[in-house]
């Protein structure tokens, strides 16, 4: 039997926000065994049962939880939406290479030369 909780506007707003999220939304969860948070994708949730399923980057199921528990974790700060990515991995790698070459040569990037 689920524990009875007091009505809480912040919790109810968070539950509503989660229910409005699209499948495929990424979350970061604090992992006590690591120094860094882990990213998990919400692959599915049911508004009828209140359960949600999370997968890793390979699409392998990692865990499931209740929407209520996820809302509590987000309010507590142990779960959150990750910051937006700064482009694809390839874009970030390319920009890093250009930045390092610029440092080494003291020059400017091709984009800066054409501007």
N, C-alpha and C. Protein backbone atom coordinates (compact mmCIF):
# COMPACT_ATOMS: atom_id res chain seq x y z
N UNK A 1 0.84 -1.19 0.00
CA UNK A 1 0.00 0.00 0.00
C UNK A 1 0.88 1.24 0.00
N UNK A 2 0.57 2.21 -0.84
CA UNK A 2 1.37 3.42 -0.96
C UNK A 2 1.24 4.28 0.28
N UNK A 3 2.34 4.93 0.69
CA UNK A 3 2.26 5.79 1.86
C UNK A 3 1.35 6.99 1.60
N UNK A 4 0.64 7.42 2.63
CA UNK A 4 -0.24 8.56 2.52
C UNK A 4 0.61 9.81 2.71
N UNK A 5 0.44 10.77 1.84
CA UNK A 5 1.20 12.00 1.96
C UNK A 5 0.25 13.19 2.03
N UNK A 6 0.74 14.24 2.65
CA UNK A 6 -0.05 15.46 2.76
C UNK A 6 -0.11 16.15 1.39
N UNK A 7 -1.21 16.84 1.10
CA UNK A 7 -1.27 17.59 -0.17
C UNK A 7 -0.14 18.62 -0.21
N UNK A 8 0.48 18.75 -1.37
CA UNK A 8 1.62 19.65 -1.51
C UNK A 8 1.58 20.24 -2.92
N UNK A 9 1.39 21.56 -3.00
CA UNK A 9 1.29 22.22 -4.30
C UNK A 9 2.54 22.00 -5.15
N UNK A 10 3.73 22.11 -4.54
CA UNK A 10 4.97 21.94 -5.30
C UNK A 10 5.05 20.53 -5.88
N UNK A 11 4.69 19.54 -5.06
CA UNK A 11 4.71 18.15 -5.53
C UNK A 11 3.70 17.95 -6.65
N UNK A 12 2.48 18.45 -6.46
CA UNK A 12 1.44 18.28 -7.47
C UNK A 12 1.83 18.95 -8.79
N UNK A 13 2.46 20.13 -8.72
CA UNK A 13 2.91 20.81 -9.93
C UNK A 13 4.00 20.00 -10.63
N UNK A 14 4.89 19.39 -9.84
CA UNK A 14 5.97 18.59 -10.43
C UNK A 14 5.40 17.34 -11.09
N UNK A 15 4.44 16.69 -10.45
CA UNK A 15 3.79 15.51 -11.04
C UNK A 15 3.14 15.90 -12.36
N UNK A 16 2.45 17.02 -12.38
CA UNK A 16 1.80 17.49 -13.61
C UNK A 16 2.85 17.75 -14.69
N UNK A 17 3.96 18.39 -14.31
CA UNK A 17 5.03 18.68 -15.27
C UNK A 17 5.60 17.39 -15.86
N UNK A 18 5.81 16.38 -15.02
CA UNK A 18 6.35 15.10 -15.48
C UNK A 18 5.37 14.43 -16.44
N UNK A 19 4.09 14.46 -16.10
CA UNK A 19 3.08 13.83 -16.96
C UNK A 19 2.98 14.51 -18.32
N UNK A 20 3.41 15.76 -18.42
CA UNK A 20 3.35 16.49 -19.69
C UNK A 20 4.63 16.31 -20.51
N UNK A 21 5.64 15.67 -19.93
CA UNK A 21 6.90 15.45 -20.65
C UNK A 21 6.74 14.36 -21.70
N UNK A 22 7.51 14.51 -22.76
CA UNK A 22 7.47 13.53 -23.84
C UNK A 22 8.30 12.31 -23.48
N UNK A 23 7.89 11.15 -23.98
CA UNK A 23 8.73 9.97 -23.86
C UNK A 23 10.06 10.31 -24.53
N UNK A 24 11.14 9.85 -23.98
CA UNK A 24 12.44 10.15 -24.53
C UNK A 24 13.13 11.32 -23.83
N UNK A 25 12.47 11.90 -22.83
CA UNK A 25 13.08 12.99 -22.07
C UNK A 25 14.22 12.42 -21.22
N UNK A 26 15.38 13.10 -21.26
CA UNK A 26 16.54 12.67 -20.49
C UNK A 26 16.51 13.29 -19.10
N UNK A 27 16.96 12.51 -18.13
CA UNK A 27 17.10 12.96 -16.75
C UNK A 27 18.50 12.65 -16.27
N UNK A 28 18.94 13.39 -15.27
CA UNK A 28 20.17 13.08 -14.56
C UNK A 28 19.78 12.67 -13.15
N UNK A 29 20.38 11.57 -12.69
CA UNK A 29 20.14 11.08 -11.33
C UNK A 29 21.45 11.05 -10.57
N UNK A 30 21.43 11.51 -9.33
CA UNK A 30 22.61 11.37 -8.48
C UNK A 30 22.84 9.89 -8.23
N UNK A 31 24.09 9.48 -8.32
CA UNK A 31 24.45 8.09 -8.07
C UNK A 31 25.44 8.08 -6.91
N UNK A 32 25.01 7.55 -5.76
CA UNK A 32 25.90 7.57 -4.59
C UNK A 32 27.19 6.79 -4.79
N UNK A 33 27.23 5.89 -5.76
CA UNK A 33 28.44 5.09 -6.01
C UNK A 33 29.41 5.78 -6.95
N UNK A 34 29.01 6.89 -7.55
CA UNK A 34 29.85 7.62 -8.50
C UNK A 34 29.96 9.07 -8.05
N UNK A 35 30.96 9.74 -8.60
CA UNK A 35 31.09 11.17 -8.33
C UNK A 35 30.24 12.01 -9.28
N UNK A 36 29.85 11.41 -10.39
CA UNK A 36 29.09 12.13 -11.41
C UNK A 36 27.68 11.57 -11.51
N UNK A 37 26.73 12.42 -11.90
CA UNK A 37 25.37 11.91 -12.09
C UNK A 37 25.30 10.99 -13.31
N UNK A 38 24.29 10.14 -13.33
CA UNK A 38 24.06 9.26 -14.48
C UNK A 38 22.85 9.78 -15.25
N UNK A 39 22.92 9.65 -16.57
CA UNK A 39 21.80 10.06 -17.42
C UNK A 39 20.96 8.86 -17.78
N UNK A 40 19.66 9.06 -17.68
CA UNK A 40 18.69 8.02 -18.03
C UNK A 40 17.55 8.66 -18.80
N UNK A 41 17.06 7.91 -19.80
CA UNK A 41 15.96 8.41 -20.62
C UNK A 41 14.65 7.79 -20.12
N UNK A 42 13.64 8.64 -19.96
CA UNK A 42 12.32 8.14 -19.59
C UNK A 42 11.70 7.57 -20.86
N UNK A 43 11.70 6.26 -20.96
CA UNK A 43 11.23 5.60 -22.17
C UNK A 43 9.71 5.51 -22.21
N UNK A 44 9.09 5.48 -21.03
CA UNK A 44 7.65 5.26 -20.99
C UNK A 44 7.13 5.59 -19.61
N UNK A 45 5.89 6.03 -19.53
CA UNK A 45 5.20 6.12 -18.24
C UNK A 45 3.71 5.93 -18.46
N UNK A 46 3.04 5.51 -17.40
CA UNK A 46 1.60 5.28 -17.45
C UNK A 46 0.93 6.22 -16.46
N UNK A 47 0.01 7.03 -16.96
CA UNK A 47 -0.72 7.91 -16.07
C UNK A 47 -1.74 7.12 -15.24
N UNK A 48 -2.08 5.92 -15.70
CA UNK A 48 -3.04 5.09 -14.94
C UNK A 48 -2.38 4.42 -13.74
N UNK A 49 -1.19 3.82 -13.97
CA UNK A 49 -0.53 3.11 -12.87
C UNK A 49 0.46 4.01 -12.12
N UNK A 50 0.85 5.12 -12.76
CA UNK A 50 1.80 6.02 -12.13
C UNK A 50 3.24 5.52 -12.17
N UNK A 51 3.56 4.58 -13.04
CA UNK A 51 4.93 4.03 -13.15
C UNK A 51 5.63 4.62 -14.37
N UNK A 52 6.94 4.77 -14.25
CA UNK A 52 7.74 5.20 -15.41
C UNK A 52 8.97 4.31 -15.52
N UNK A 53 9.40 4.11 -16.75
CA UNK A 53 10.51 3.21 -17.07
C UNK A 53 11.66 4.04 -17.63
N UNK A 54 12.87 3.76 -17.14
CA UNK A 54 14.06 4.47 -17.59
C UNK A 54 15.03 3.50 -18.25
N UNK A 55 15.72 4.00 -19.28
CA UNK A 55 16.73 3.22 -20.01
C UNK A 55 18.02 4.03 -20.08
N UNK A 56 19.12 3.33 -20.35
CA UNK A 56 20.41 4.01 -20.51
C UNK A 56 20.58 4.43 -21.97
N UNK A 57 21.77 4.92 -22.32
CA UNK A 57 22.03 5.40 -23.68
C UNK A 57 21.93 4.30 -24.72
N UNK A 58 22.09 3.04 -24.29
CA UNK A 58 21.99 1.91 -25.22
C UNK A 58 20.56 1.40 -25.35
N UNK A 59 19.64 1.99 -24.59
CA UNK A 59 18.25 1.56 -24.63
C UNK A 59 17.95 0.39 -23.71
N UNK A 60 18.88 0.06 -22.83
CA UNK A 60 18.70 -1.06 -21.90
C UNK A 60 18.01 -0.55 -20.63
N UNK A 61 17.00 -1.27 -20.21
CA UNK A 61 16.25 -0.89 -19.01
C UNK A 61 17.19 -0.80 -17.81
N UNK A 62 17.10 0.32 -17.09
CA UNK A 62 17.92 0.49 -15.90
C UNK A 62 17.10 0.43 -14.63
N UNK A 63 15.94 1.04 -14.65
CA UNK A 63 15.06 0.99 -13.47
C UNK A 63 13.69 1.55 -13.82
N UNK A 64 12.76 1.30 -12.92
CA UNK A 64 11.46 1.93 -13.03
C UNK A 64 11.11 2.49 -11.66
N UNK A 65 10.24 3.46 -11.66
CA UNK A 65 9.85 4.12 -10.41
C UNK A 65 8.45 4.69 -10.60
N UNK A 66 7.93 5.29 -9.56
CA UNK A 66 6.63 5.93 -9.68
C UNK A 66 6.83 7.40 -10.06
N UNK A 67 5.83 7.96 -10.68
CA UNK A 67 5.88 9.38 -11.01
C UNK A 67 5.98 10.19 -9.73
N UNK A 68 5.28 9.77 -8.66
CA UNK A 68 5.36 10.46 -7.37
C UNK A 68 6.79 10.47 -6.84
N UNK A 69 7.46 9.32 -6.91
CA UNK A 69 8.84 9.24 -6.41
C UNK A 69 9.77 10.10 -7.27
N UNK A 70 9.57 10.10 -8.58
CA UNK A 70 10.37 10.93 -9.47
C UNK A 70 10.17 12.41 -9.12
N UNK A 71 8.93 12.80 -8.87
CA UNK A 71 8.64 14.20 -8.50
C UNK A 71 9.34 14.54 -7.18
N UNK A 72 9.30 13.65 -6.21
CA UNK A 72 9.98 13.88 -4.93
C UNK A 72 11.48 14.02 -5.14
N UNK A 73 12.05 13.19 -6.00
CA UNK A 73 13.48 13.25 -6.28
C UNK A 73 13.86 14.56 -6.97
N UNK A 74 13.01 15.02 -7.87
CA UNK A 74 13.30 16.28 -8.56
C UNK A 74 13.22 17.45 -7.59
N UNK A 75 12.25 17.43 -6.72
CA UNK A 75 12.12 18.50 -5.72
C UNK A 75 13.33 18.48 -4.78
N UNK A 76 13.78 17.29 -4.40
CA UNK A 76 14.93 17.15 -3.50
C UNK A 76 16.25 17.46 -4.20
N UNK A 77 16.24 17.48 -5.53
CA UNK A 77 17.46 17.78 -6.28
C UNK A 77 18.31 16.57 -6.59
N UNK A 78 17.81 15.37 -6.32
CA UNK A 78 18.58 14.16 -6.63
C UNK A 78 18.28 13.65 -8.04
N UNK A 79 17.29 14.25 -8.69
CA UNK A 79 16.98 13.99 -10.10
C UNK A 79 16.69 15.34 -10.74
N UNK A 80 17.07 15.49 -11.99
CA UNK A 80 16.88 16.76 -12.67
C UNK A 80 16.92 16.56 -14.17
N UNK A 81 16.43 17.56 -14.89
CA UNK A 81 16.61 17.57 -16.34
C UNK A 81 18.03 18.06 -16.59
N UNK A 82 18.77 17.39 -17.46
CA UNK A 82 20.15 17.82 -17.72
C UNK A 82 20.18 19.13 -18.49
N UNK A 83 21.30 19.85 -18.39
CA UNK A 83 21.41 21.06 -19.20
C UNK A 83 21.39 20.71 -20.68
N UNK A 84 20.94 21.63 -21.51
CA UNK A 84 20.90 21.33 -22.95
C UNK A 84 22.29 21.01 -23.48
N UNK A 85 22.35 20.05 -24.40
CA UNK A 85 23.63 19.71 -25.02
C UNK A 85 24.11 20.87 -25.87
N UNK A 86 25.39 20.99 -25.97
CA UNK A 86 25.99 22.03 -26.81
C UNK A 86 26.33 21.43 -28.18
N UNK A 87 25.32 20.94 -28.86
CA UNK A 87 25.53 20.33 -30.16
C UNK A 87 25.83 18.84 -30.02
N UNK A 88 26.01 18.21 -31.14
CA UNK A 88 26.27 16.77 -31.15
C UNK A 88 27.69 16.50 -30.66
N UNK A 89 27.98 15.26 -30.40
CA UNK A 89 29.32 14.87 -29.97
C UNK A 89 30.36 15.27 -31.02
N UNK A 90 30.03 15.05 -32.28
CA UNK A 90 30.95 15.39 -33.38
C UNK A 90 31.19 16.90 -33.41
N UNK A 91 30.12 17.68 -33.27
CA UNK A 91 30.27 19.14 -33.27
C UNK A 91 31.16 19.60 -32.12
N UNK A 92 30.94 19.04 -30.94
CA UNK A 92 31.74 19.43 -29.78
C UNK A 92 33.20 19.02 -29.96
N UNK A 93 33.43 17.83 -30.52
CA UNK A 93 34.80 17.37 -30.75
C UNK A 93 35.49 18.27 -31.77
N UNK A 94 34.80 18.59 -32.86
CA UNK A 94 35.37 19.45 -33.89
C UNK A 94 35.71 20.83 -33.32
N UNK A 95 34.79 21.40 -32.56
CA UNK A 95 35.03 22.72 -31.96
C UNK A 95 36.20 22.67 -30.99
N UNK A 96 36.34 21.58 -30.27
CA UNK A 96 37.47 21.43 -29.34
C UNK A 96 38.79 21.36 -30.10
N UNK A 97 38.80 20.63 -31.20
CA UNK A 97 40.01 20.52 -32.03
C UNK A 97 40.39 21.90 -32.57
N UNK A 98 39.41 22.63 -33.10
CA UNK A 98 39.69 23.96 -33.63
C UNK A 98 40.20 24.90 -32.55
N UNK A 99 39.61 24.82 -31.38
CA UNK A 99 40.04 25.67 -30.27
C UNK A 99 41.48 25.38 -29.88
N UNK A 100 41.82 24.09 -29.80
CA UNK A 100 43.19 23.71 -29.45
C UNK A 100 44.19 24.11 -30.53
N UNK A 101 43.83 23.94 -31.80
CA UNK A 101 44.71 24.37 -32.89
C UNK A 101 44.93 25.88 -32.86
N UNK A 102 43.88 26.60 -32.54
CA UNK A 102 43.99 28.05 -32.45
C UNK A 102 44.96 28.45 -31.34
N UNK A 103 44.88 27.76 -30.21
CA UNK A 103 45.80 28.05 -29.10
C UNK A 103 47.24 27.78 -29.51
N UNK A 104 47.44 26.65 -30.18
CA UNK A 104 48.79 26.24 -30.57
C UNK A 104 49.38 27.21 -31.59
N UNK A 105 48.59 27.58 -32.59
CA UNK A 105 49.11 28.41 -33.68
C UNK A 105 48.97 29.90 -33.42
N UNK A 106 48.14 30.26 -32.46
CA UNK A 106 47.90 31.67 -32.20
C UNK A 106 47.07 32.32 -33.29
N UNK A 107 46.51 31.51 -34.15
CA UNK A 107 45.73 32.00 -35.28
C UNK A 107 44.24 32.05 -34.98
N UNK A 108 43.47 32.25 -36.03
CA UNK A 108 42.03 32.29 -35.91
C UNK A 108 41.44 31.11 -36.67
N UNK A 109 40.21 30.80 -36.36
CA UNK A 109 39.53 29.69 -37.02
C UNK A 109 39.07 30.15 -38.41
N UNK A 110 38.79 29.21 -39.33
CA UNK A 110 38.33 29.58 -40.67
C UNK A 110 37.07 30.46 -40.62
N UNK A 111 36.18 30.22 -39.65
CA UNK A 111 34.96 31.03 -39.54
C UNK A 111 35.31 32.48 -39.22
N UNK A 112 36.30 32.67 -38.34
CA UNK A 112 36.69 34.02 -37.95
C UNK A 112 37.40 34.73 -39.10
N UNK A 113 38.15 34.00 -39.94
CA UNK A 113 38.85 34.60 -41.06
C UNK A 113 37.89 35.11 -42.13
N UNK A 114 36.77 34.38 -42.33
CA UNK A 114 35.82 34.78 -43.37
C UNK A 114 34.87 35.85 -42.90
N UNK A 115 34.86 36.17 -41.62
CA UNK A 115 33.93 37.18 -41.09
C UNK A 115 34.45 38.59 -41.30
